[in-house]
Amino acid sequence: MPLDTVPGENDIVARIKEIQGVDVMEGEYASDSYVPTLDANKMFVPYALLKFNPAFPAYDDGIVGPEKDTMRNTFGVYVVSPDDNTTRQFVSRVREKMLTDFRPTDGSSLKPTGGYSFVDSDLGYNRYVHQISFAYMTNLS
């Protein structure tokens, strides 16, 4: 369906959920937005938050009408764990899932576009957070 980005976004969420041992949700990272699941050692289970941004026209003044214009989509994946090494490993797994043999519905392959990291000490423990951003084209059929 032209201009509908939800099927491709659902493909992305499903692809990230293939990573074992992590919780996956959609939403913006905020220090108190998600209370993580704790394991038997009272450490939290690594998790990912996916934040999809609104699509926008990839090119100006399409000649066939907006319902058929190619769109550019961007999204970020916040990867969170109790230690930096685990977070970096998790980021590598996310990058591999997104960039290896994967194209979302009606979309192009994904390209990494940036990222950043920080430590959040909310809730009495450190959360090591890395964010990685991706872009891709949609409305290609």
C-alpha atoms as a PDB file:
ATOM      1  CA  MET A   1       0.000   0.000   0.000  1.00  0.00           C
ATOM      2  CA  PRO A   2       1.579   3.323  -1.027  1.00  0.00           C
ATOM      3  CA  LEU A   3       2.755   5.638   1.736  1.00  0.00           C
ATOM      4  CA  ASP A   4       1.939   3.099   4.471  1.00  0.00           C
ATOM      5  CA  THR A   5       5.122   2.603   6.501  1.00  0.00           C
ATOM      6  CA  VAL A   6       3.613   0.398   9.238  1.00  0.00           C
ATOM      7  CA  PRO A   7       4.180  -2.991   7.523  1.00  0.00           C
ATOM      8  CA  GLY A   8       7.892  -2.241   7.128  1.00  0.00           C
ATOM      9  CA  GLU A   9       8.134  -0.936  10.688  1.00  0.00           C
ATOM     10  CA  ASN A  10       6.484  -4.125  11.946  1.00  0.00           C
ATOM     11  CA  ASP A  11       9.079  -6.126   9.991  1.00  0.00           C
ATOM     12  CA  ILE A  12      11.853  -4.198  11.742  1.00  0.00           C
ATOM     13  CA  VAL A  13      10.382  -4.826  15.205  1.00  0.00           C
ATOM     14  CA  ALA A  14       9.966  -8.539  14.413  1.00  0.00           C
ATOM     15  CA  ARG A  15      13.563  -8.733  13.181  1.00  0.00           C
ATOM     16  CA  ILE A  16      14.947  -7.187  16.404  1.00  0.00           C
ATOM     17  CA  LYS A  17      12.771  -9.560  18.456  1.00  0.00           C
ATOM     18  CA  GLU A  18      14.695 -12.460  16.885  1.00  0.00           C
ATOM     19  CA  ILE A  19      17.641 -11.540  19.127  1.00  0.00           C
ATOM     20  CA  GLN A  20      17.559 -13.952  22.074  1.00  0.00           C
ATOM     21  CA  GLY A  21      17.632 -12.847  25.709  1.00  0.00           C
ATOM     22  CA  VAL A  22      16.398  -9.280  25.345  1.00  0.00           C
ATOM     23  CA  ASP A  23      13.097  -7.471  25.742  1.00  0.00           C
ATOM     24  CA  VAL A  24      11.997  -5.319  22.772  1.00  0.00           C
ATOM     25  CA  MET A  25       9.516  -2.442  22.909  1.00  0.00           C
ATOM     26  CA  GLU A  26       8.638   0.590  20.855  1.00  0.00           C
ATOM     27  CA  GLY A  27       9.023   4.101  22.239  1.00  0.00           C
ATOM     28  CA  GLU A  28      11.378   6.923  23.096  1.00  0.00           C
ATOM     29  CA  TYR A  29      14.097   6.422  25.686  1.00  0.00           C
ATOM     30  CA  ALA A  30      13.342   8.277  28.898  1.00  0.00           C
ATOM     31  CA  SER A  31      15.006   7.374  32.175  1.00  0.00           C
ATOM     32  CA  ASP A  32      11.753   6.335  33.841  1.00  0.00           C
ATOM     33  CA  SER A  33       9.784   5.169  30.786  1.00  0.00           C
ATOM     34  CA  TYR A  34      10.475   1.471  31.264  1.00  0.00           C
ATOM     35  CA  VAL A  35      11.221  -0.430  34.447  1.00  0.00           C
ATOM     36  CA  PRO A  36      13.277  -3.388  33.218  1.00  0.00           C
ATOM     37  CA  THR A  37      12.729  -7.018  34.156  1.00  0.00           C
ATOM     38  CA  LEU A  38      15.133  -8.194  36.872  1.00  0.00           C
ATOM     39  CA  ASP A  39      16.854 -11.576  36.786  1.00  0.00           C
ATOM     40  CA  ALA A  40      17.614 -13.874  39.763  1.00  0.00           C
ATOM     41  CA  ASN A  41      20.730 -11.802  40.585  1.00  0.00           C
ATOM     42  CA  LYS A  42      18.682  -8.566  40.727  1.00  0.00           C
ATOM     43  CA  MET A  43      20.307  -7.343  37.506  1.00  0.00           C
ATOM     44  CA  PHE A  44      18.033  -6.162  34.748  1.00  0.00           C
ATOM     45  CA  VAL A  45      17.562  -7.993  31.476  1.00  0.00           C
ATOM     46  CA  PRO A  46      18.973  -6.088  28.458  1.00  0.00           C
ATOM     47  CA  TYR A  47      16.317  -4.399  26.380  1.00  0.00           C
ATOM     48  CA  ALA A  48      15.817  -2.389  23.226  1.00  0.00           C
ATOM     49  CA  LEU A  49      13.469   0.478  22.478  1.00  0.00           C
ATOM     50  CA  LEU A  50      12.683   1.251  18.840  1.00  0.00           C
ATOM     51  CA  LYS A  51      11.666   4.793  17.957  1.00  0.00           C
ATOM     52  CA  PHE A  52      10.241   5.301  14.456  1.00  0.00           C
ATOM     53  CA  ASN A  53      10.237   8.819  13.011  1.00  0.00           C
ATOM     54  CA  PRO A  54       7.692  10.135  10.502  1.00  0.00           C
ATOM     55  CA  ALA A  55       8.491   9.403   6.852  1.00  0.00           C
ATOM     56  CA  PHE A  56       9.162  12.302   4.494  1.00  0.00           C
ATOM     57  CA  PRO A  57       9.431  12.627   0.707  1.00  0.00           C
ATOM     58  CA  ALA A  58      12.805  11.527  -0.582  1.00  0.00           C
ATOM     59  CA  TYR A  59      12.609  13.800  -3.617  1.00  0.00           C
ATOM     60  CA  ASP A  60      10.810  17.089  -4.231  1.00  0.00           C
ATOM     61  CA  ASP A  61       8.033  17.494  -6.767  1.00  0.00           C
ATOM     62  CA  GLY A  62       7.329  13.888  -7.666  1.00  0.00           C
ATOM     63  CA  ILE A  63       5.793  13.553 -11.110  1.00  0.00           C
ATOM     64  CA  VAL A  64       3.271  10.813 -10.315  1.00  0.00           C
ATOM     65  CA  GLY A  65       1.608  12.165  -7.164  1.00  0.00           C
ATOM     66  CA  PRO A  66       2.342  11.821  -3.458  1.00  0.00           C
ATOM     67  CA  GLU A  67       0.756   8.369  -3.164  1.00  0.00           C
ATOM     68  CA  LYS A  68       3.533   6.989  -5.378  1.00  0.00           C
ATOM     69  CA  ASP A  69       6.476   9.146  -4.306  1.00  0.00           C
ATOM     70  CA  THR A  70       9.438   7.461  -2.698  1.00  0.00           C
ATOM     71  CA  MET A  71       9.657   8.171   1.033  1.00  0.00           C
ATOM     72  CA  ARG A  72      12.651   8.225   3.383  1.00  0.00           C
ATOM     73  CA  ASN A  73      12.165   6.584   6.780  1.00  0.00           C
ATOM     74  CA  THR A  74      14.420   6.847   9.801  1.00  0.00           C
ATOM     75  CA  PHE A  75      14.405   5.122  13.153  1.00  0.00           C
ATOM     76  CA  GLY A  76      16.604   4.649  16.169  1.00  0.00           C
ATOM     77  CA  VAL A  77      17.260   1.649  18.367  1.00  0.00           C
ATOM     78  CA  TYR A  78      18.113   2.316  22.007  1.00  0.00           C
ATOM     79  CA  VAL A  79      20.080  -0.643  23.345  1.00  0.00           C
ATOM     80  CA  VAL A  80      20.255  -0.832  27.143  1.00  0.00           C
ATOM     81  CA  SER A  81      22.033  -3.198  29.529  1.00  0.00           C
ATOM     82  CA  PRO A  82      23.630  -3.177  33.002  1.00  0.00           C
ATOM     83  CA  ASP A  83      27.204  -2.960  31.666  1.00  0.00           C
ATOM     84  CA  ASP A  84      28.930  -1.305  28.739  1.00  0.00           C
ATOM     85  CA  ASN A  85      30.471  -4.471  27.269  1.00  0.00           C
ATOM     86  CA  THR A  86      27.079  -6.210  27.084  1.00  0.00           C
ATOM     87  CA  THR A  87      25.562  -3.109  25.489  1.00  0.00           C
ATOM     88  CA  ARG A  88      28.281  -2.984  22.816  1.00  0.00           C
ATOM     89  CA  GLN A  89      27.757  -6.690  22.052  1.00  0.00           C
ATOM     90  CA  PHE A  90      24.002  -6.101  21.832  1.00  0.00           C
ATOM     91  CA  VAL A  91      24.566  -3.162  19.419  1.00  0.00           C
ATOM     92  CA  SER A  92      26.641  -5.455  17.206  1.00  0.00           C
ATOM     93  CA  ARG A  93      23.825  -8.006  17.152  1.00  0.00           C
ATOM     94  CA  VAL A  94      21.281  -5.300  16.258  1.00  0.00           C
ATOM     95  CA  ARG A  95      23.540  -3.980  13.478  1.00  0.00           C
ATOM     96  CA  GLU A  96      23.992  -7.505  12.100  1.00  0.00           C
ATOM     97  CA  LYS A  97      20.224  -8.179  12.146  1.00  0.00           C
ATOM     98  CA  MET A  98      19.408  -4.902  10.405  1.00  0.00           C
ATOM     99  CA  LEU A  99      22.147  -5.007   7.752  1.00  0.00           C
ATOM    100  CA  THR A 100      22.330  -8.699   6.790  1.00  0.00           C
ATOM    101  CA  ASP A 101      19.828 -10.127   4.295  1.00  0.00           C
ATOM    102  CA  PHE A 102      16.982  -7.871   5.404  1.00  0.00           C
ATOM    103  CA  ARG A 103      14.618  -5.504   3.633  1.00  0.00           C
ATOM    104  CA  PRO A 104      11.393  -4.316   5.264  1.00  0.00           C
ATOM    105  CA  THR A 105       8.139  -4.570   3.309  1.00  0.00           C
ATOM    106  CA  ASP A 106       8.131  -2.162   0.347  1.00  0.00           C
ATOM    107  CA  GLY A 107      11.538  -0.865   1.433  1.00  0.00           C
ATOM    108  CA  SER A 108      15.205  -0.742   0.582  1.00  0.00           C
ATOM    109  CA  SER A 109      18.026  -2.213   2.613  1.00  0.00           C
ATOM    110  CA  LEU A 110      18.849  -0.246   5.730  1.00  0.00           C
ATOM    111  CA  LYS A 111      21.818   2.059   6.154  1.00  0.00           C
ATOM    112  CA  PRO A 112      23.267   3.091   9.532  1.00  0.00           C
ATOM    113  CA  THR A 113      23.218   6.874   9.897  1.00  0.00           C
ATOM    114  CA  GLY A 114      24.716   7.560  13.325  1.00  0.00           C
ATOM    115  CA  GLY A 115      24.512   6.920  16.999  1.00  0.00           C
ATOM    116  CA  TYR A 116      25.551   7.994  20.469  1.00  0.00           C
ATOM    117  CA  SER A 117      25.884   6.582  23.972  1.00  0.00           C
ATOM    118  CA  PHE A 118      25.426   7.634  27.596  1.00  0.00           C
ATOM    119  CA  VAL A 119      25.009   6.197  31.082  1.00  0.00           C
ATOM    120  CA  ASP A 120      21.725   6.636  32.959  1.00  0.00           C
ATOM    121  CA  SER A 121      21.907   6.024  36.714  1.00  0.00           C
ATOM    122  CA  ASP A 122      18.153   6.197  37.266  1.00  0.00           C
ATOM    123  CA  LEU A 123      16.372   3.599  39.453  1.00  0.00           C
ATOM    124  CA  GLY A 124      19.447   2.877  41.592  1.00  0.00           C
ATOM    125  CA  TYR A 125      21.607   1.151  38.962  1.00  0.00           C
ATOM    126  CA  ASN A 126      23.496   2.178  35.877  1.00  0.00           C
ATOM    127  CA  ARG A 127      21.915   1.693  32.490  1.00  0.00           C
ATOM    128  CA  TYR A 128      24.465   1.726  29.675  1.00  0.00           C
ATOM    129  CA  VAL A 129      22.590   3.110  26.685  1.00  0.00           C
ATOM    130  CA  HIS A 130      23.755   3.109  23.077  1.00  0.00           C
ATOM    131  CA  GLN A 131      21.537   4.467  20.331  1.00  0.00           C
ATOM    132  CA  ILE A 132      22.034   3.484  16.705  1.00  0.00           C
ATOM    133  CA  SER A 133      20.096   5.143  13.869  1.00  0.00           C
ATOM    134  CA  PHE A 134      19.081   3.728  10.494  1.00  0.00           C
ATOM    135  CA  ALA A 135      17.495   5.102   7.313  1.00  0.00           C
ATOM    136  CA  TYR A 136      15.789   3.378   4.407  1.00  0.00           C
ATOM    137  CA  MET A 137      13.568   4.173   1.443  1.00  0.00           C
ATOM    138  CA  THR A 138       9.930   3.053   1.148  1.00  0.00           C
ATOM    139  CA  ASN A 139       7.161   3.138  -1.412  1.00  0.00           C
ATOM    140  CA  LEU A 140       9.337   1.306  -3.888  1.00  0.00           C
ATOM    141  CA  SER A 141       6.770  -1.051  -5.433  1.00  0.00           C
END
